[in-house]
């Protein structure tokens, strides 16, 4: 890691899907539900340094699922994502956001600004794993709305080799699993397709369809036995 073998040809800097965020009220209950319903193992991730959130991780090799919960409500005023999680849990949403990965966040930001995108400042983030290892990163938000969004944010990891969350060992019921396709709902699908093509290139790993609301609506995982669909 970082692995960019799935990046669209010619995309500079390369980006790939990194993780999908699922908002939950209780991390332990959500991890148990993922195993009982989908046969997926979720491991304790850790507490984020800011924003009052913590997570569990479902490793998927090059990507992962992040079960994210607000564990300190008093701190969410400092976190755009924390506010999104609270709202998504209250509304019963399965997904709250998704993230792309790049190794050159500055280069990507410069390109998007050059294309006319209005972007908020980049942000620094970190969390401490249960084993004490600190994972650090930088992120670039693209959307600033308080609800689920069709457009992903972008992360640049600042971690030693082998510590990407997707690389952690996990005993999934169906064996090794990976993200096959992310289905995005959009009120303006043509606009979302154009923006995703700029961010992620032309890729079969995402699909955009018209919907009454914006955001991830469905996730298709592949494994030796076939597919698992999370909605």
C-alpha atoms as a PDB file:
ATOM      1  CA  UNK A   1       0.000   0.000   0.000  1.00  0.00           C
ATOM      2  CA  UNK A   2      -0.867   2.413  -1.325  1.00  0.00           C
ATOM      3  CA  UNK A   3      -2.060   0.248  -4.241  1.00  0.00           C
ATOM      4  CA  UNK A   4      -3.289   2.077  -7.336  1.00  0.00           C
ATOM      5  CA  UNK A   5      -3.551  -0.873  -9.723  1.00  0.00           C
ATOM      6  CA  UNK A   6      -7.302  -0.259 -10.022  1.00  0.00           C
ATOM      7  CA  UNK A   7      -6.874   3.373 -11.090  1.00  0.00           C
ATOM      8  CA  UNK A   8      -8.346   4.434 -14.427  1.00  0.00           C
ATOM      9  CA  UNK A   9      -5.697   4.714 -17.196  1.00  0.00           C
ATOM     10  CA  UNK A  10      -4.293   8.187 -17.675  1.00  0.00           C
ATOM     11  CA  UNK A  11      -5.759   9.632 -14.470  1.00  0.00           C
ATOM     12  CA  UNK A  12      -3.241  12.009 -12.862  1.00  0.00           C
ATOM     13  CA  UNK A  13      -2.724  11.800 -10.005  1.00  0.00           C
ATOM     14  CA  UNK A  14      -4.167   8.265  -9.748  1.00  0.00           C
ATOM     15  CA  UNK A  15      -7.142   7.703  -7.425  1.00  0.00           C
ATOM     16  CA  UNK A  16      -8.963   4.542  -6.379  1.00  0.00           C
ATOM     17  CA  UNK A  17     -11.792   3.697  -4.003  1.00  0.00           C
ATOM     18  CA  UNK A  18     -10.410   3.493  -0.461  1.00  0.00           C
ATOM     19  CA  UNK A  19     -13.334   2.919   1.919  1.00  0.00           C
ATOM     20  CA  UNK A  20     -17.073   3.183   2.466  1.00  0.00           C
ATOM     21  CA  UNK A  21     -18.457   4.638   5.701  1.00  0.00           C
ATOM     22  CA  UNK A  22     -21.466   3.080   7.438  1.00  0.00           C
ATOM     23  CA  UNK A  23     -22.941   5.172  10.284  1.00  0.00           C
ATOM     24  CA  UNK A  24     -23.938   3.195  13.381  1.00  0.00           C
ATOM     25  CA  UNK A  25     -25.270   3.922  16.834  1.00  0.00           C
ATOM     26  CA  UNK A  26     -23.269   1.248  18.654  1.00  0.00           C
ATOM     27  CA  UNK A  27     -20.045  -0.186  17.281  1.00  0.00           C
ATOM     28  CA  UNK A  28     -20.170  -3.571  19.013  1.00  0.00           C
ATOM     29  CA  UNK A  29     -23.779  -4.188  17.953  1.00  0.00           C
ATOM     30  CA  UNK A  30     -22.990  -3.119  14.378  1.00  0.00           C
ATOM     31  CA  UNK A  31     -19.971  -5.431  14.199  1.00  0.00           C
ATOM     32  CA  UNK A  32     -22.088  -8.340  15.397  1.00  0.00           C
ATOM     33  CA  UNK A  33     -24.755  -7.491  12.792  1.00  0.00           C
ATOM     34  CA  UNK A  34     -22.170  -7.433   9.982  1.00  0.00           C
ATOM     35  CA  UNK A  35     -21.058 -10.934  10.911  1.00  0.00           C
ATOM     36  CA  UNK A  36     -24.518 -12.402  11.441  1.00  0.00           C
ATOM     37  CA  UNK A  37     -26.089 -10.931   8.287  1.00  0.00           C
ATOM     38  CA  UNK A  38     -23.177 -10.729   5.851  1.00  0.00           C
ATOM     39  CA  UNK A  39     -20.512 -13.055   7.263  1.00  0.00           C
ATOM     40  CA  UNK A  40     -18.028 -10.165   7.508  1.00  0.00           C
ATOM     41  CA  UNK A  41     -15.622  -9.743  10.393  1.00  0.00           C
ATOM     42  CA  UNK A  42     -15.247  -6.242  11.808  1.00  0.00           C
ATOM     43  CA  UNK A  43     -12.269  -5.408  14.018  1.00  0.00           C
ATOM     44  CA  UNK A  44     -11.989  -2.614  16.574  1.00  0.00           C
ATOM     45  CA  UNK A  45     -10.388   0.357  14.845  1.00  0.00           C
ATOM     46  CA  UNK A  46      -9.939   3.062  17.456  1.00  0.00           C
ATOM     47  CA  UNK A  47     -10.879   6.562  18.515  1.00  0.00           C
ATOM     48  CA  UNK A  48     -10.343   9.489  16.174  1.00  0.00           C
ATOM     49  CA  UNK A  49      -8.203  12.274  17.601  1.00  0.00           C
ATOM     50  CA  UNK A  50     -10.912  14.870  16.970  1.00  0.00           C
ATOM     51  CA  UNK A  51     -14.620  14.958  16.217  1.00  0.00           C
ATOM     52  CA  UNK A  52     -15.864  12.561  18.886  1.00  0.00           C
ATOM     53  CA  UNK A  53     -16.005   9.492  16.620  1.00  0.00           C
ATOM     54  CA  UNK A  54     -14.604   5.959  16.753  1.00  0.00           C
ATOM     55  CA  UNK A  55     -14.740   3.048  14.344  1.00  0.00           C
ATOM     56  CA  UNK A  56     -14.622  -0.648  13.574  1.00  0.00           C
ATOM     57  CA  UNK A  57     -12.973  -1.851  10.370  1.00  0.00           C
ATOM     58  CA  UNK A  58     -14.036  -4.558   7.895  1.00  0.00           C
ATOM     59  CA  UNK A  59     -10.816  -5.279   5.930  1.00  0.00           C
ATOM     60  CA  UNK A  60     -11.240  -5.963   2.206  1.00  0.00           C
ATOM     61  CA  UNK A  61      -7.665  -6.063   0.934  1.00  0.00           C
ATOM     62  CA  UNK A  62      -7.256  -2.905  -1.147  1.00  0.00           C
ATOM     63  CA  UNK A  63     -10.295  -1.287   0.498  1.00  0.00           C
ATOM     64  CA  UNK A  64     -12.342  -1.525   3.670  1.00  0.00           C
ATOM     65  CA  UNK A  65     -15.680  -0.742   5.255  1.00  0.00           C
ATOM     66  CA  UNK A  66     -15.690   1.661   8.172  1.00  0.00           C
ATOM     67  CA  UNK A  67     -18.379   1.330  10.829  1.00  0.00           C
ATOM     68  CA  UNK A  68     -18.332   4.778  12.408  1.00  0.00           C
ATOM     69  CA  UNK A  69     -20.138   6.006  15.513  1.00  0.00           C
ATOM     70  CA  UNK A  70     -20.196   9.172  17.588  1.00  0.00           C
ATOM     71  CA  UNK A  71     -18.865   8.232  21.023  1.00  0.00           C
ATOM     72  CA  UNK A  72     -18.457  11.750  22.424  1.00  0.00           C
ATOM     73  CA  UNK A  73     -21.365  13.960  21.267  1.00  0.00           C
ATOM     74  CA  UNK A  74     -19.868  17.091  22.825  1.00  0.00           C
ATOM     75  CA  UNK A  75     -17.025  16.973  20.280  1.00  0.00           C
ATOM     76  CA  UNK A  76     -19.016  16.737  17.040  1.00  0.00           C
ATOM     77  CA  UNK A  77     -19.235  20.516  16.735  1.00  0.00           C
ATOM     78  CA  UNK A  78     -15.619  20.282  15.559  1.00  0.00           C
ATOM     79  CA  UNK A  79     -16.345  17.582  13.000  1.00  0.00           C
ATOM     80  CA  UNK A  80     -18.199  17.882   9.712  1.00  0.00           C
ATOM     81  CA  UNK A  81     -18.222  14.081   9.452  1.00  0.00           C
ATOM     82  CA  UNK A  82     -19.445  13.636  13.015  1.00  0.00           C
ATOM     83  CA  UNK A  83     -22.491  15.792  12.285  1.00  0.00           C
ATOM     84  CA  UNK A  84     -23.169  13.739   9.151  1.00  0.00           C
ATOM     85  CA  UNK A  85     -22.974  10.503  11.160  1.00  0.00           C
ATOM     86  CA  UNK A  86     -25.456  11.747  13.763  1.00  0.00           C
ATOM     87  CA  UNK A  87     -27.921  12.789  11.079  1.00  0.00           C
ATOM     88  CA  UNK A  88     -27.513   9.567   9.074  1.00  0.00           C
ATOM     89  CA  UNK A  89     -28.053   7.362  12.145  1.00  0.00           C
ATOM     90  CA  UNK A  90     -31.140   9.361  13.074  1.00  0.00           C
ATOM     91  CA  UNK A  91     -32.537   8.904   9.542  1.00  0.00           C
ATOM     92  CA  UNK A  92     -31.700   5.189   9.402  1.00  0.00           C
ATOM     93  CA  UNK A  93     -29.214   5.492   6.513  1.00  0.00           C
ATOM     94  CA  UNK A  94     -26.975   2.517   5.724  1.00  0.00           C
ATOM     95  CA  UNK A  95     -24.175   4.680   4.274  1.00  0.00           C
ATOM     96  CA  UNK A  96     -22.997   8.180   5.130  1.00  0.00           C
ATOM     97  CA  UNK A  97     -19.978   8.800   2.866  1.00  0.00           C
ATOM     98  CA  UNK A  98     -17.278   7.178   0.760  1.00  0.00           C
ATOM     99  CA  UNK A  99     -13.617   7.924   0.230  1.00  0.00           C
ATOM    100  CA  UNK A 100     -11.060   7.773  -2.549  1.00  0.00           C
ATOM    101  CA  UNK A 101      -7.335   7.278  -2.023  1.00  0.00           C
ATOM    102  CA  UNK A 102      -4.486   9.206  -3.644  1.00  0.00           C
ATOM    103  CA  UNK A 103      -0.756   9.488  -3.036  1.00  0.00           C
ATOM    104  CA  UNK A 104      -0.705  13.146  -4.138  1.00  0.00           C
ATOM    105  CA  UNK A 105      -3.475  15.130  -2.470  1.00  0.00           C
ATOM    106  CA  UNK A 106      -1.824  18.458  -3.294  1.00  0.00           C
ATOM    107  CA  UNK A 107      -1.654  17.535  -6.967  1.00  0.00           C
ATOM    108  CA  UNK A 108      -5.283  16.424  -7.019  1.00  0.00           C
ATOM    109  CA  UNK A 109      -6.427  19.598  -5.278  1.00  0.00           C
ATOM    110  CA  UNK A 110      -4.492  21.762  -7.735  1.00  0.00           C
ATOM    111  CA  UNK A 111      -6.062  19.947 -10.681  1.00  0.00           C
ATOM    112  CA  UNK A 112      -9.606  20.241  -9.323  1.00  0.00           C
ATOM    113  CA  UNK A 113      -9.202  23.931  -8.491  1.00  0.00           C
ATOM    114  CA  UNK A 114      -7.866  24.422 -11.998  1.00  0.00           C
ATOM    115  CA  UNK A 115     -11.038  22.816 -13.320  1.00  0.00           C
ATOM    116  CA  UNK A 116     -13.150  25.296 -11.362  1.00  0.00           C
ATOM    117  CA  UNK A 117     -14.000  23.274  -8.262  1.00  0.00           C
ATOM    118  CA  UNK A 118     -14.510  25.291  -5.071  1.00  0.00           C
ATOM    119  CA  UNK A 119     -12.886  23.277  -2.291  1.00  0.00           C
ATOM    120  CA  UNK A 120     -12.607  23.772   1.468  1.00  0.00           C
ATOM    121  CA  UNK A 121      -9.135  23.545   3.047  1.00  0.00           C
ATOM    122  CA  UNK A 122      -7.507  20.142   3.458  1.00  0.00           C
ATOM    123  CA  UNK A 123      -7.611  18.627   6.941  1.00  0.00           C
ATOM    124  CA  UNK A 124      -5.271  16.483   9.044  1.00  0.00           C
ATOM    125  CA  UNK A 125      -6.593  13.401  10.837  1.00  0.00           C
ATOM    126  CA  UNK A 126      -5.452  10.493  12.959  1.00  0.00           C
ATOM    127  CA  UNK A 127      -6.618   7.710  15.237  1.00  0.00           C
ATOM    128  CA  UNK A 128      -4.902   5.386  17.679  1.00  0.00           C
ATOM    129  CA  UNK A 129      -5.414   1.657  17.138  1.00  0.00           C
ATOM    130  CA  UNK A 130      -6.011  -0.683  20.101  1.00  0.00           C
ATOM    131  CA  UNK A 131      -2.355  -1.793  19.822  1.00  0.00           C
ATOM    132  CA  UNK A 132      -1.179   1.806  20.275  1.00  0.00           C
ATOM    133  CA  UNK A 133      -0.138   2.390  16.654  1.00  0.00           C
ATOM    134  CA  UNK A 134      -1.206   5.828  15.415  1.00  0.00           C
ATOM    135  CA  UNK A 135      -2.537   6.087  11.852  1.00  0.00           C
ATOM    136  CA  UNK A 136      -2.352   9.536  10.246  1.00  0.00           C
ATOM    137  CA  UNK A 137      -3.751  11.019   7.054  1.00  0.00           C
ATOM    138  CA  UNK A 138      -4.807  14.135   5.186  1.00  0.00           C
ATOM    139  CA  UNK A 139      -8.242  14.552   3.614  1.00  0.00           C
ATOM    140  CA  UNK A 140      -9.841  16.799   1.049  1.00  0.00           C
ATOM    141  CA  UNK A 141     -13.580  17.287   1.426  1.00  0.00           C
ATOM    142  CA  UNK A 142     -15.428  18.058  -1.777  1.00  0.00           C
ATOM    143  CA  UNK A 143     -18.978  18.452  -0.499  1.00  0.00           C
ATOM    144  CA  UNK A 144     -19.823  20.520   2.584  1.00  0.00           C
ATOM    145  CA  UNK A 145     -23.476  19.528   3.081  1.00  0.00           C
ATOM    146  CA  UNK A 146     -24.528  18.014   6.417  1.00  0.00           C
ATOM    147  CA  UNK A 147     -26.156  14.948   4.875  1.00  0.00           C
ATOM    148  CA  UNK A 148     -24.973  11.909   2.898  1.00  0.00           C
ATOM    149  CA  UNK A 149     -23.315  12.899  -0.356  1.00  0.00           C
ATOM    150  CA  UNK A 150     -22.890  11.323  -3.769  1.00  0.00           C
ATOM    151  CA  UNK A 151     -19.379  12.755  -4.140  1.00  0.00           C
ATOM    152  CA  UNK A 152     -16.552  11.106  -2.166  1.00  0.00           C
ATOM    153  CA  UNK A 153     -13.892  12.844  -0.140  1.00  0.00           C
ATOM    154  CA  UNK A 154     -10.238  12.002  -0.823  1.00  0.00           C
ATOM    155  CA  UNK A 155      -7.666  10.659   1.625  1.00  0.00           C
ATOM    156  CA  UNK A 156      -3.871  10.561   1.500  1.00  0.00           C
ATOM    157  CA  UNK A 157      -2.471   8.099   4.031  1.00  0.00           C
ATOM    158  CA  UNK A 158       0.639   8.880   6.087  1.00  0.00           C
ATOM    159  CA  UNK A 159       1.332   5.385   7.437  1.00  0.00           C
ATOM    160  CA  UNK A 160       4.070   2.726   7.373  1.00  0.00           C
ATOM    161  CA  UNK A 161       3.800  -0.070   4.822  1.00  0.00           C
ATOM    162  CA  UNK A 162       1.361  -2.793   5.834  1.00  0.00           C
ATOM    163  CA  UNK A 163      -0.808  -0.649   8.113  1.00  0.00           C
ATOM    164  CA  UNK A 164      -3.573   0.320   5.696  1.00  0.00           C
ATOM    165  CA  UNK A 165      -6.837  -0.750   7.394  1.00  0.00           C
ATOM    166  CA  UNK A 166      -7.809  -2.925   4.427  1.00  0.00           C
ATOM    167  CA  UNK A 167      -4.700  -5.051   4.924  1.00  0.00           C
ATOM    168  CA  UNK A 168      -5.574  -6.223   8.429  1.00  0.00           C
ATOM    169  CA  UNK A 169      -6.317  -9.957   8.822  1.00  0.00           C
ATOM    170  CA  UNK A 170      -9.986 -10.936   8.910  1.00  0.00           C
ATOM    171  CA  UNK A 171     -11.844 -14.262   8.861  1.00  0.00           C
ATOM    172  CA  UNK A 172     -14.817 -13.506   6.609  1.00  0.00           C
ATOM    173  CA  UNK A 173     -17.337 -16.329   6.238  1.00  0.00           C
ATOM    174  CA  UNK A 174     -16.985 -16.374   2.431  1.00  0.00           C
ATOM    175  CA  UNK A 175     -13.212 -15.948   2.438  1.00  0.00           C
ATOM    176  CA  UNK A 176     -11.339 -12.998   0.992  1.00  0.00           C
ATOM    177  CA  UNK A 177     -13.798 -10.298  -0.130  1.00  0.00           C
ATOM    178  CA  UNK A 178     -13.378  -7.110  -2.124  1.00  0.00           C
ATOM    179  CA  UNK A 179     -15.440  -4.186  -3.387  1.00  0.00           C
ATOM    180  CA  UNK A 180     -16.862  -4.922  -6.826  1.00  0.00           C
ATOM    181  CA  UNK A 181     -19.169  -1.927  -7.286  1.00  0.00           C
ATOM    182  CA  UNK A 182     -20.451   1.120  -5.412  1.00  0.00           C
ATOM    183  CA  UNK A 183     -23.926   2.239  -6.505  1.00  0.00           C
ATOM    184  CA  UNK A 184     -24.544   5.965  -6.066  1.00  0.00           C
ATOM    185  CA  UNK A 185     -27.956   7.584  -5.978  1.00  0.00           C
ATOM    186  CA  UNK A 186     -28.186  11.130  -7.341  1.00  0.00           C
ATOM    187  CA  UNK A 187     -30.884  13.708  -7.904  1.00  0.00           C
ATOM    188  CA  UNK A 188     -28.804  15.020 -10.809  1.00  0.00           C
ATOM    189  CA  UNK A 189     -27.075  11.884 -12.132  1.00  0.00           C
ATOM    190  CA  UNK A 190     -25.460  13.557 -15.149  1.00  0.00           C
ATOM    191  CA  UNK A 191     -23.712  16.116 -12.949  1.00  0.00           C
ATOM    192  CA  UNK A 192     -22.574  13.442 -10.497  1.00  0.00           C
ATOM    193  CA  UNK A 193     -21.210  11.270 -13.327  1.00  0.00           C
ATOM    194  CA  UNK A 194     -19.173  14.209 -14.659  1.00  0.00           C
ATOM    195  CA  UNK A 195     -17.723  14.978 -11.239  1.00  0.00           C
ATOM    196  CA  UNK A 196     -16.919  11.334 -10.514  1.00  0.00           C
ATOM    197  CA  UNK A 197     -15.248  10.983 -13.901  1.00  0.00           C
ATOM    198  CA  UNK A 198     -13.005  13.916 -12.952  1.00  0.00           C
ATOM    199  CA  UNK A 199     -12.226  12.435  -9.528  1.00  0.00           C
ATOM    200  CA  UNK A 200     -12.042   8.723 -10.315  1.00  0.00           C
ATOM    201  CA  UNK A 201     -11.945   8.417 -14.084  1.00  0.00           C
ATOM    202  CA  UNK A 202     -14.113   6.042 -16.075  1.00  0.00           C
ATOM    203  CA  UNK A 203     -14.401   2.903 -13.949  1.00  0.00           C
ATOM    204  CA  UNK A 204     -16.698  -0.074 -13.665  1.00  0.00           C
ATOM    205  CA  UNK A 205     -16.312   0.057  -9.887  1.00  0.00           C
ATOM    206  CA  UNK A 206     -19.020   2.690  -9.535  1.00  0.00           C
ATOM    207  CA  UNK A 207     -22.479   3.203 -10.974  1.00  0.00           C
ATOM    208  CA  UNK A 208     -24.696   6.290 -10.770  1.00  0.00           C
ATOM    209  CA  UNK A 209     -28.472   6.097 -10.932  1.00  0.00           C
ATOM    210  CA  UNK A 210     -31.249   8.639 -10.512  1.00  0.00           C
ATOM    211  CA  UNK A 211     -32.661   8.828  -7.003  1.00  0.00           C
ATOM    212  CA  UNK A 212     -34.703  11.071  -4.705  1.00  0.00           C
ATOM    213  CA  UNK A 213     -31.588  11.696  -2.601  1.00  0.00           C
ATOM    214  CA  UNK A 214     -27.812  11.821  -2.978  1.00  0.00           C
ATOM    215  CA  UNK A 215     -25.442   9.231  -1.561  1.00  0.00           C
ATOM    216  CA  UNK A 216     -24.250   5.639  -1.621  1.00  0.00           C
ATOM    217  CA  UNK A 217     -27.284   3.369  -1.963  1.00  0.00           C
ATOM    218  CA  UNK A 218     -25.778  -0.074  -2.516  1.00  0.00           C
ATOM    219  CA  UNK A 219     -22.465  -1.845  -2.149  1.00  0.00           C
ATOM    220  CA  UNK A 220     -21.588  -5.045  -4.026  1.00  0.00           C
ATOM    221  CA  UNK A 221     -18.780  -7.201  -2.637  1.00  0.00           C
ATOM    222  CA  UNK A 222     -17.265 -10.119  -4.511  1.00  0.00           C
ATOM    223  CA  UNK A 223     -15.824 -13.322  -3.036  1.00  0.00           C
ATOM    224  CA  UNK A 224     -15.126 -16.890  -4.080  1.00  0.00           C
ATOM    225  CA  UNK A 225     -18.747 -17.925  -3.543  1.00  0.00           C
ATOM    226  CA  UNK A 226     -20.260 -15.059  -5.546  1.00  0.00           C
ATOM    227  CA  UNK A 227     -21.476 -11.649  -4.367  1.00  0.00           C
ATOM    228  CA  UNK A 228     -22.748 -10.000  -1.210  1.00  0.00           C
ATOM    229  CA  UNK A 229     -24.987  -6.944  -1.545  1.00  0.00           C
ATOM    230  CA  UNK A 230     -25.304  -4.385   1.256  1.00  0.00           C
ATOM    231  CA  UNK A 231     -28.118  -1.846   0.995  1.00  0.00           C
END
